PDB file of all heavy atoms in Angstrom:
ATOM      1  N   ALA A   1       4.302   3.097   5.324  1.00  0.00           N
ATOM      2  CA  ALA A   1       4.689   4.125   6.333  1.00  0.00           C
ATOM      3  C   ALA A   1       3.567   4.182   7.394  1.00  0.00           C
ATOM      4  O   ALA A   1       2.401   3.962   7.098  1.00  0.00           O
ATOM      5  CB  ALA A   1       4.826   5.449   5.626  1.00  0.00           C
ATOM      6  N   TRP A   2       3.870   4.538   8.642  1.00  0.00           N
ATOM      7  CA  TRP A   2       2.921   4.703   9.696  1.00  0.00           C
ATOM      8  C   TRP A   2       2.010   5.892   9.296  1.00  0.00           C
ATOM      9  O   TRP A   2       2.472   6.939   8.808  1.00  0.00           O
ATOM     10  CB  TRP A   2       3.590   4.959  10.995  1.00  0.00           C
ATOM     11  CG  TRP A   2       2.656   5.002  12.201  1.00  0.00           C
ATOM     12  CD1 TRP A   2       2.054   6.095  12.715  1.00  0.00           C
ATOM     13  CD2 TRP A   2       2.162   3.864  12.921  1.00  0.00           C
ATOM     14  NE1 TRP A   2       1.287   5.773  13.762  1.00  0.00           N
ATOM     15  CE2 TRP A   2       1.313   4.452  13.865  1.00  0.00           C
ATOM     16  CE3 TRP A   2       2.402   2.519  12.820  1.00  0.00           C
ATOM     17  CZ2 TRP A   2       0.682   3.527  14.805  1.00  0.00           C
ATOM     18  CZ3 TRP A   2       1.783   1.710  13.749  1.00  0.00           C
ATOM     19  CH2 TRP A   2       0.944   2.236  14.718  1.00  0.00           C
ATOM     20  N   PRO A   3       0.669   5.715   9.503  1.00  0.00           N
ATOM     21  CA  PRO A   3      -0.215   6.876   9.063  1.00  0.00           C
ATOM     22  C   PRO A   3       0.114   8.131   9.840  1.00  0.00           C
ATOM     23  O   PRO A   3       0.591   8.085  11.009  1.00  0.00           O
ATOM     24  CB  PRO A   3      -1.619   6.349   9.458  1.00  0.00           C
ATOM     25  CG  PRO A   3      -1.435   4.878   9.550  1.00  0.00           C
ATOM     26  CD  PRO A   3      -0.091   4.578   9.998  1.00  0.00           C
ATOM     27  N   PRO A   4      -0.096   9.315   9.187  1.00  0.00           N
ATOM     28  CA  PRO A   4       0.104  10.558   9.891  1.00  0.00           C
ATOM     29  C   PRO A   4      -0.598  10.657  11.191  1.00  0.00           C
ATOM     30  O   PRO A   4      -1.664  10.037  11.363  1.00  0.00           O
ATOM     31  CB  PRO A   4      -0.335  11.615   8.837  1.00  0.00           C
ATOM     32  CG  PRO A   4      -0.315  10.899   7.556  1.00  0.00           C
ATOM     33  CD  PRO A   4      -0.581   9.452   7.832  1.00  0.00           C
ATOM     34  N   LEU A   5      -0.096  11.391  12.123  1.00  0.00           N
ATOM     35  CA  LEU A   5      -0.688  11.527  13.503  1.00  0.00           C
ATOM     36  C   LEU A   5      -2.084  12.107  13.395  1.00  0.00           C
ATOM     37  O   LEU A   5      -2.921  11.911  14.237  1.00  0.00           O
ATOM     38  CB  LEU A   5       0.177  12.355  14.327  1.00  0.00           C
ATOM     39  CG  LEU A   5       1.543  11.856  14.716  1.00  0.00           C
ATOM     40  CD1 LEU A   5       2.333  12.832  15.547  1.00  0.00           C
ATOM     41  CD2 LEU A   5       1.425  10.483  15.422  1.00  0.00           C
ATOM     42  N   ASP A   6      -2.387  12.905  12.338  1.00  0.00           N
ATOM     43  CA  ASP A   6      -3.733  13.532  12.296  1.00  0.00           C
ATOM     44  C   ASP A   6      -4.669  12.704  11.474  1.00  0.00           C
ATOM     45  O   ASP A   6      -5.779  13.119  11.094  1.00  0.00           O
ATOM     46  CB  ASP A   6      -3.666  14.939  11.656  1.00  0.00           C
ATOM     47  CG  ASP A   6      -3.065  14.925  10.312  1.00  0.00           C
ATOM     48  OD1 ASP A   6      -2.553  13.868   9.844  1.00  0.00           O
ATOM     49  OD2 ASP A   6      -3.028  15.999   9.690  1.00  0.00           O
ATOM     50  N   THR A   7      -4.372  11.470  11.164  1.00  0.00           N
ATOM     51  CA  THR A   7      -5.266  10.533  10.367  1.00  0.00           C
ATOM     52  C   THR A   7      -6.506  10.323  11.109  1.00  0.00           C
ATOM     53  O   THR A   7      -6.590  10.079  12.356  1.00  0.00           O
ATOM     54  CB  THR A   7      -4.537   9.121  10.185  1.00  0.00           C
ATOM     55  OG1 THR A   7      -3.340   9.356   9.408  1.00  0.00           O
ATOM     56  CG2 THR A   7      -5.480   8.220   9.448  1.00  0.00           C
ATOM     57  N   VAL A   8      -7.609  10.351  10.328  1.00  0.00           N
ATOM     58  CA  VAL A   8      -8.942   9.969  10.897  1.00  0.00           C
ATOM     59  C   VAL A   8      -9.286   8.597  10.344  1.00  0.00           C
ATOM     60  O   VAL A   8      -9.405   8.402   9.115  1.00  0.00           O
ATOM     61  CB  VAL A   8     -10.022  11.015  10.503  1.00  0.00           C
ATOM     62  CG1 VAL A   8     -11.402  10.591  10.952  1.00  0.00           C
ATOM     63  CG2 VAL A   8      -9.673  12.389  10.984  1.00  0.00           C
ATOM     64  N   TYR A   9      -9.461   7.632  11.173  1.00  0.00           N
ATOM     65  CA  TYR A   9      -9.733   6.273  10.768  1.00  0.00           C
ATOM     66  C   TYR A   9     -11.265   6.090  10.566  1.00  0.00           C
ATOM     67  O   TYR A   9     -12.039   6.760  11.212  1.00  0.00           O
ATOM     68  CB  TYR A   9      -9.253   5.320  11.911  1.00  0.00           C
ATOM     69  CG  TYR A   9      -7.717   5.323  12.070  1.00  0.00           C
ATOM     70  CD1 TYR A   9      -7.137   6.193  12.926  1.00  0.00           C
ATOM     71  CD2 TYR A   9      -6.976   4.409  11.278  1.00  0.00           C
ATOM     72  CE1 TYR A   9      -5.684   6.183  13.026  1.00  0.00           C
ATOM     73  CE2 TYR A   9      -5.594   4.390  11.441  1.00  0.00           C
ATOM     74  CZ  TYR A   9      -4.970   5.284  12.292  1.00  0.00           C
ATOM     75  OH  TYR A   9      -3.579   5.264  12.426  1.00  0.00           O
ATOM     76  N   THR A  10     -11.547   5.185   9.708  1.00  0.00           N
ATOM     77  CA  THR A  10     -12.940   4.830   9.474  1.00  0.00           C
ATOM     78  C   THR A  10     -13.435   4.114  10.765  1.00  0.00           C
ATOM     79  O   THR A  10     -14.543   4.452  11.268  1.00  0.00           O
ATOM     80  CB  THR A  10     -13.053   3.868   8.314  1.00  0.00           C
ATOM     81  OG1 THR A  10     -12.398   4.395   7.184  1.00  0.00           O
ATOM     82  CG2 THR A  10     -14.570   3.683   7.941  1.00  0.00           C
ATOM     83  N   VAL A  11     -12.661   3.175  11.234  1.00  0.00           N
ATOM     84  CA  VAL A  11     -13.020   2.421  12.443  1.00  0.00           C
ATOM     85  C   VAL A  11     -11.766   2.203  13.277  1.00  0.00           C
ATOM     86  O   VAL A  11     -10.725   1.942  12.728  1.00  0.00           O
ATOM     87  CB  VAL A  11     -13.637   1.038  12.093  1.00  0.00           C
ATOM     88  CG1 VAL A  11     -14.014   0.227  13.299  1.00  0.00           C
ATOM     89  CG2 VAL A  11     -14.858   1.163  11.178  1.00  0.00           C
ATOM     90  N   ILE A  12     -11.920   2.269  14.594  1.00  0.00           N
ATOM     91  CA  ILE A  12     -10.821   1.838  15.453  1.00  0.00           C
ATOM     92  C   ILE A  12     -11.484   0.772  16.452  1.00  0.00           C
ATOM     93  O   ILE A  12     -12.535   1.029  17.051  1.00  0.00           O
ATOM     94  CB  ILE A  12     -10.190   2.971  16.273  1.00  0.00           C
ATOM     95  CG1 ILE A  12      -9.392   3.888  15.365  1.00  0.00           C
ATOM     96  CG2 ILE A  12      -9.349   2.406  17.391  1.00  0.00           C
ATOM     97  CD1 ILE A  12      -8.773   5.005  16.069  1.00  0.00           C
ATOM     98  N   LEU A  13     -10.852  -0.415  16.507  1.00  0.00           N
ATOM     99  CA  LEU A  13     -11.175  -1.460  17.455  1.00  0.00           C
ATOM    100  C   LEU A  13     -10.210  -1.383  18.543  1.00  0.00           C
ATOM    101  O   LEU A  13      -9.045  -1.617  18.338  1.00  0.00           O
ATOM    102  CB  LEU A  13     -11.161  -2.837  16.792  1.00  0.00           C
ATOM    103  CG  LEU A  13     -11.996  -3.030  15.450  1.00  0.00           C
ATOM    104  CD1 LEU A  13     -11.694  -4.328  14.799  1.00  0.00           C
ATOM    105  CD2 LEU A  13     -13.504  -2.914  15.832  1.00  0.00           C
ATOM    106  N   GLU A  14     -10.700  -0.987  19.765  1.00  0.00           N
ATOM    107  CA  GLU A  14      -9.825  -0.672  20.873  1.00  0.00           C
ATOM    108  C   GLU A  14      -9.563  -1.859  21.772  1.00  0.00           C
ATOM    109  O   GLU A  14     -10.550  -2.593  22.167  1.00  0.00           O
ATOM    110  CB  GLU A  14     -10.491   0.407  21.751  1.00  0.00           C
ATOM    111  CG  GLU A  14     -10.645   1.795  21.129  1.00  0.00           C
ATOM    112  CD  GLU A  14     -11.243   2.767  22.131  1.00  0.00           C
ATOM    113  OE1 GLU A  14     -12.007   2.353  23.028  1.00  0.00           O
ATOM    114  OE2 GLU A  14     -10.907   3.941  22.012  1.00  0.00           O
ATOM    115  N   ARG A  15      -8.296  -2.073  22.083  1.00  0.00           N
ATOM    116  CA  ARG A  15      -7.929  -2.998  23.140  1.00  0.00           C
ATOM    117  C   ARG A  15      -8.354  -4.429  22.961  1.00  0.00           C
ATOM    118  O   ARG A  15      -8.530  -5.214  23.970  1.00  0.00           O
ATOM    119  CB  ARG A  15      -8.321  -2.519  24.483  1.00  0.00           C
ATOM    120  CG  ARG A  15      -7.838  -1.081  24.929  1.00  0.00           C
ATOM    121  CD  ARG A  15      -6.320  -1.115  25.176  1.00  0.00           C
ATOM    122  NE  ARG A  15      -6.003  -1.938  26.327  1.00  0.00           N
ATOM    123  CZ  ARG A  15      -4.731  -2.325  26.623  1.00  0.00           C
ATOM    124  NH1 ARG A  15      -3.735  -1.943  25.916  1.00  0.00           N
ATOM    125  NH2 ARG A  15      -4.519  -3.059  27.731  1.00  0.00           N
ATOM    126  N   GLY A  16      -8.432  -4.863  21.685  1.00  0.00           N
ATOM    127  CA  GLY A  16      -8.751  -6.273  21.468  1.00  0.00           C
ATOM    128  C   GLY A  16      -7.604  -7.195  21.625  1.00  0.00           C
ATOM    129  O   GLY A  16      -6.443  -6.730  21.604  1.00  0.00           O
ATOM    130  N   THR A  17      -7.856  -8.489  21.804  1.00  0.00           N
ATOM    131  CA  THR A  17      -6.751  -9.433  21.810  1.00  0.00           C
ATOM    132  C   THR A  17      -6.588  -9.970  20.367  1.00  0.00           C
ATOM    133  O   THR A  17      -7.438 -10.574  19.804  1.00  0.00           O
ATOM    134  CB  THR A  17      -7.097 -10.629  22.737  1.00  0.00           C
ATOM    135  OG1 THR A  17      -7.354 -10.124  24.034  1.00  0.00           O
ATOM    136  CG2 THR A  17      -5.994 -11.635  22.692  1.00  0.00           C
ATOM    137  N   ILE A  18      -5.437  -9.654  19.788  1.00  0.00           N
ATOM    138  CA  ILE A  18      -5.188  -9.827  18.362  1.00  0.00           C
ATOM    139  C   ILE A  18      -4.660 -11.230  18.082  1.00  0.00           C
ATOM    140  O   ILE A  18      -3.598 -11.629  18.572  1.00  0.00           O
ATOM    141  CB  ILE A  18      -4.106  -8.814  17.829  1.00  0.00           C
ATOM    142  CG1 ILE A  18      -4.507  -7.381  18.235  1.00  0.00           C
ATOM    143  CG2 ILE A  18      -3.990  -8.966  16.328  1.00  0.00           C
ATOM    144  CD1 ILE A  18      -5.852  -6.901  17.719  1.00  0.00           C
ATOM    145  N   TYR A  19      -5.394 -11.986  17.277  1.00  0.00           N
ATOM    146  CA  TYR A  19      -4.991 -13.227  16.649  1.00  0.00           C
ATOM    147  C   TYR A  19      -4.731 -12.987  15.186  1.00  0.00           C
ATOM    148  O   TYR A  19      -5.698 -12.824  14.433  1.00  0.00           O
ATOM    149  CB  TYR A  19      -6.012 -14.366  16.879  1.00  0.00           C
ATOM    150  CG  TYR A  19      -6.224 -14.722  18.343  1.00  0.00           C
ATOM    151  CD1 TYR A  19      -7.071 -14.034  19.149  1.00  0.00           C
ATOM    152  CD2 TYR A  19      -5.502 -15.782  18.841  1.00  0.00           C
ATOM    153  CE1 TYR A  19      -7.249 -14.396  20.505  1.00  0.00           C
ATOM    154  CE2 TYR A  19      -5.688 -16.200  20.220  1.00  0.00           C
ATOM    155  CZ  TYR A  19      -6.527 -15.471  20.978  1.00  0.00           C
ATOM    156  OH  TYR A  19      -6.710 -15.861  22.304  1.00  0.00           O
ATOM    157  N   ASP A  20      -3.528 -12.823  14.820  1.00  0.00           N
ATOM    158  CA  ASP A  20      -3.216 -12.195  13.480  1.00  0.00           C
ATOM    159  C   ASP A  20      -3.380 -13.175  12.318  1.00  0.00           C
ATOM    160  O   ASP A  20      -3.183 -12.757  11.168  1.00  0.00           O
ATOM    161  CB  ASP A  20      -1.870 -11.500  13.473  1.00  0.00           C
ATOM    162  CG  ASP A  20      -0.719 -12.542  13.624  1.00  0.00           C
ATOM    163  OD1 ASP A  20      -0.890 -13.706  13.639  1.00  0.00           O
ATOM    164  OD2 ASP A  20       0.465 -12.045  13.758  1.00  0.00           O
ATOM    165  N   GLY A  21      -3.695 -14.465  12.594  1.00  0.00           N
ATOM    166  CA  GLY A  21      -3.902 -15.413  11.452  1.00  0.00           C
ATOM    167  C   GLY A  21      -2.625 -16.196  11.148  1.00  0.00           C
ATOM    168  O   GLY A  21      -2.715 -17.175  10.382  1.00  0.00           O
ATOM    169  N   THR A  22      -1.452 -15.875  11.707  1.00  0.00           N
ATOM    170  CA  THR A  22      -0.257 -16.580  11.383  1.00  0.00           C
ATOM    171  C   THR A  22       0.005 -17.764  12.306  1.00  0.00           C
ATOM    172  O   THR A  22       0.930 -18.575  12.072  1.00  0.00           O
ATOM    173  CB  THR A  22       0.963 -15.639  11.473  1.00  0.00           C
ATOM    174  OG1 THR A  22       1.146 -15.255  12.851  1.00  0.00           O
ATOM    175  CG2 THR A  22       0.817 -14.416  10.660  1.00  0.00           C
ATOM    176  N   GLY A  23      -0.774 -17.886  13.441  1.00  0.00           N
ATOM    177  CA  GLY A  23      -0.491 -18.868  14.395  1.00  0.00           C
ATOM    178  C   GLY A  23       0.357 -18.383  15.524  1.00  0.00           C
ATOM    179  O   GLY A  23       0.640 -19.101  16.520  1.00  0.00           O
ATOM    180  N   SER A  24       0.820 -17.132  15.475  1.00  0.00           N
ATOM    181  CA  SER A  24       1.550 -16.508  16.542  1.00  0.00           C
ATOM    182  C   SER A  24       0.725 -16.285  17.730  1.00  0.00           C
ATOM    183  O   SER A  24      -0.501 -16.221  17.730  1.00  0.00           O
ATOM    184  CB  SER A  24       2.261 -15.205  16.085  1.00  0.00           C
ATOM    185  OG  SER A  24       3.079 -15.446  14.933  1.00  0.00           O
ATOM    186  N   ALA A  25       1.410 -16.142  18.933  1.00  0.00           N
ATOM    187  CA  ALA A  25       0.741 -15.861  20.156  1.00  0.00           C
ATOM    188  C   ALA A  25      -0.004 -14.540  20.063  1.00  0.00           C
ATOM    189  O   ALA A  25       0.382 -13.575  19.418  1.00  0.00           O
ATOM    190  CB  ALA A  25       1.711 -15.815  21.332  1.00  0.00           C
ATOM    191  N   PRO A  26      -1.225 -14.466  20.744  1.00  0.00           N
ATOM    192  CA  PRO A  26      -1.980 -13.264  20.653  1.00  0.00           C
ATOM    193  C   PRO A  26      -1.390 -12.139  21.427  1.00  0.00           C
ATOM    194  O   PRO A  26      -0.538 -12.351  22.387  1.00  0.00           O
ATOM    195  CB  PRO A  26      -3.303 -13.625  21.257  1.00  0.00           C
ATOM    196  CG  PRO A  26      -2.936 -14.788  22.166  1.00  0.00           C
ATOM    197  CD  PRO A  26      -1.838 -15.525  21.531  1.00  0.00           C
ATOM    198  N   PHE A  27      -1.758 -10.839  21.158  1.00  0.00           N
ATOM    199  CA  PHE A  27      -1.324  -9.717  21.904  1.00  0.00           C
ATOM    200  C   PHE A  27      -2.431  -8.690  21.900  1.00  0.00           C
ATOM    201  O   PHE A  27      -3.332  -8.704  21.050  1.00  0.00           O
ATOM    202  CB  PHE A  27      -0.027  -9.107  21.271  1.00  0.00           C
ATOM    203  CG  PHE A  27      -0.180  -8.765  19.823  1.00  0.00           C
ATOM    204  CD1 PHE A  27      -0.468  -7.435  19.480  1.00  0.00           C
ATOM    205  CD2 PHE A  27       0.039  -9.677  18.772  1.00  0.00           C
ATOM    206  CE1 PHE A  27      -0.658  -7.081  18.178  1.00  0.00           C
ATOM    207  CE2 PHE A  27      -0.038  -9.315  17.455  1.00  0.00           C
ATOM    208  CZ  PHE A  27      -0.420  -8.011  17.148  1.00  0.00           C
ATOM    209  N   VAL A  28      -2.413  -7.695  22.786  1.00  0.00           N
ATOM    210  CA  VAL A  28      -3.413  -6.765  22.896  1.00  0.00           C
ATOM    211  C   VAL A  28      -3.014  -5.433  22.173  1.00  0.00           C
ATOM    212  O   VAL A  28      -1.829  -4.981  22.368  1.00  0.00           O
ATOM    213  CB  VAL A  28      -3.712  -6.398  24.404  1.00  0.00           C
ATOM    214  CG1 VAL A  28      -4.674  -5.264  24.570  1.00  0.00           C
ATOM    215  CG2 VAL A  28      -4.209  -7.618  25.134  1.00  0.00           C
ATOM    216  N   ALA A  29      -3.854  -4.945  21.332  1.00  0.00           N
ATOM    217  CA  ALA A  29      -3.540  -3.753  20.577  1.00  0.00           C
ATOM    218  C   ALA A  29      -4.890  -3.215  20.047  1.00  0.00           C
ATOM    219  O   ALA A  29      -5.914  -3.844  20.043  1.00  0.00           O
ATOM    220  CB  ALA A  29      -2.631  -3.973  19.457  1.00  0.00           C
ATOM    221  N   ASP A  30      -4.809  -2.005  19.495  1.00  0.00           N
ATOM    222  CA  ASP A  30      -5.883  -1.421  18.727  1.00  0.00           C
ATOM    223  C   ASP A  30      -5.730  -1.692  17.252  1.00  0.00           C
ATOM    224  O   ASP A  30      -4.560  -1.857  16.760  1.00  0.00           O
ATOM    225  CB  ASP A  30      -5.905   0.118  18.912  1.00  0.00           C
ATOM    226  CG  ASP A  30      -5.967   0.549  20.375  1.00  0.00           C
ATOM    227  OD1 ASP A  30      -6.565  -0.168  21.180  1.00  0.00           O
ATOM    228  OD2 ASP A  30      -5.338   1.599  20.698  1.00  0.00           O
ATOM    229  N   VAL A  31      -6.797  -1.769  16.542  1.00  0.00           N
ATOM    230  CA  VAL A  31      -6.785  -1.992  15.059  1.00  0.00           C
ATOM    231  C   VAL A  31      -7.532  -0.837  14.447  1.00  0.00           C
ATOM    232  O   VAL A  31      -8.695  -0.559  14.719  1.00  0.00           O
ATOM    233  CB  VAL A  31      -7.398  -3.297  14.654  1.00  0.00           C
ATOM    234  CG1 VAL A  31      -7.359  -3.462  13.178  1.00  0.00           C
ATOM    235  CG2 VAL A  31      -6.692  -4.449  15.343  1.00  0.00           C
ATOM    236  N   GLY A  32      -6.873  -0.143  13.495  1.00  0.00           N
ATOM    237  CA  GLY A  32      -7.437   0.955  12.786  1.00  0.00           C
ATOM    238  C   GLY A  32      -7.709   0.646  11.353  1.00  0.00           C
ATOM    239  O   GLY A  32      -6.830   0.138  10.638  1.00  0.00           O
ATOM    240  N   LEU A  33      -8.924   0.905  10.860  1.00  0.00           N
ATOM    241  CA  LEU A  33      -9.324   0.654   9.490  1.00  0.00           C
ATOM    242  C   LEU A  33      -9.485   1.987   8.686  1.00  0.00           C
ATOM    243  O   LEU A  33     -10.080   2.923   9.282  1.00  0.00           O
ATOM    244  CB  LEU A  33     -10.623  -0.144   9.434  1.00  0.00           C
ATOM    245  CG  LEU A  33     -10.793  -1.414  10.264  1.00  0.00           C
ATOM    246  CD1 LEU A  33     -12.091  -2.035  10.081  1.00  0.00           C
ATOM    247  CD2 LEU A  33      -9.641  -2.366  10.145  1.00  0.00           C
ATOM    248  N   ILE A  34      -9.038   2.020   7.491  1.00  0.00           N
ATOM    249  CA  ILE A  34      -9.324   3.148   6.667  1.00  0.00           C
ATOM    250  C   ILE A  34      -9.826   2.618   5.337  1.00  0.00           C
ATOM    251  O   ILE A  34      -9.081   1.880   4.643  1.00  0.00           O
ATOM    252  CB  ILE A  34      -8.116   4.080   6.458  1.00  0.00           C
ATOM    253  CG1 ILE A  34      -7.703   4.721   7.745  1.00  0.00           C
ATOM    254  CG2 ILE A  34      -8.470   5.166   5.449  1.00  0.00           C
ATOM    255  CD1 ILE A  34      -6.458   5.579   7.607  1.00  0.00           C
ATOM    256  N   GLY A  35     -11.014   2.940   4.984  1.00  0.00           N
ATOM    257  CA  GLY A  35     -11.588   2.377   3.757  1.00  0.00           C
ATOM    258  C   GLY A  35     -11.618   0.851   3.823  1.00  0.00           C
ATOM    259  O   GLY A  35     -12.131   0.303   4.808  1.00  0.00           O
ATOM    260  N   ASP A  36     -11.137   0.218   2.792  1.00  0.00           N
ATOM    261  CA  ASP A  36     -11.179  -1.265   2.774  1.00  0.00           C
ATOM    262  C   ASP A  36      -9.917  -1.927   3.260  1.00  0.00           C
ATOM    263  O   ASP A  36      -9.804  -3.121   3.133  1.00  0.00           O
ATOM    264  CB  ASP A  36     -11.494  -1.722   1.313  1.00  0.00           C
ATOM    265  CG  ASP A  36     -10.269  -1.425   0.326  1.00  0.00           C
ATOM    266  OD1 ASP A  36      -9.352  -0.738   0.767  1.00  0.00           O
ATOM    267  OD2 ASP A  36     -10.411  -1.817  -0.810  1.00  0.00           O
ATOM    268  N   ARG A  37      -9.050  -1.184   3.956  1.00  0.00           N
ATOM    269  CA  ARG A  37      -7.814  -1.746   4.413  1.00  0.00           C
ATOM    270  C   ARG A  37      -7.555  -1.553   5.880  1.00  0.00           C
ATOM    271  O   ARG A  37      -8.112  -0.634   6.445  1.00  0.00           O
ATOM    272  CB  ARG A  37      -6.600  -1.114   3.663  1.00  0.00           C
ATOM    273  CG  ARG A  37      -6.631  -1.268   2.141  1.00  0.00           C
ATOM    274  CD  ARG A  37      -6.021  -2.559   1.712  1.00  0.00           C
ATOM    275  NE  ARG A  37      -6.047  -2.679   0.228  1.00  0.00           N
ATOM    276  CZ  ARG A  37      -5.303  -3.559  -0.392  1.00  0.00           C
ATOM    277  NH1 ARG A  37      -4.488  -4.397   0.237  1.00  0.00           N
ATOM    278  NH2 ARG A  37      -5.377  -3.663  -1.765  1.00  0.00           N
ATOM    279  N   ILE A  38      -6.705  -2.405   6.442  1.00  0.00           N
ATOM    280  CA  ILE A  38      -6.208  -2.238   7.774  1.00  0.00           C
ATOM    281  C   ILE A  38      -5.081  -1.195   7.646  1.00  0.00           C
ATOM    282  O   ILE A  38      -4.138  -1.385   6.923  1.00  0.00           O
ATOM    283  CB  ILE A  38      -5.689  -3.532   8.354  1.00  0.00           C
ATOM    284  CG1 ILE A  38      -6.834  -4.526   8.515  1.00  0.00           C
ATOM    285  CG2 ILE A  38      -5.022  -3.297   9.721  1.00  0.00           C
ATOM    286  CD1 ILE A  38      -6.366  -5.959   8.895  1.00  0.00           C
ATOM    287  N   ALA A  39      -5.250  -0.101   8.452  1.00  0.00           N
ATOM    288  CA  ALA A  39      -4.306   1.011   8.296  1.00  0.00           C
ATOM    289  C   ALA A  39      -3.199   0.962   9.448  1.00  0.00           C
ATOM    290  O   ALA A  39      -2.091   1.351   9.156  1.00  0.00           O
ATOM    291  CB  ALA A  39      -5.001   2.331   8.332  1.00  0.00           C
TER     292      ALA A  39
END
């Protein structure tokens, strides 16, 4: 499930170009981490 709107992330990486590891074309997005996982 999408994290609740009031979630506090450990780290947010803003506006990076995402290469997701699958070989798919990159896209721009934020990445939020909570603890040891990508949230």
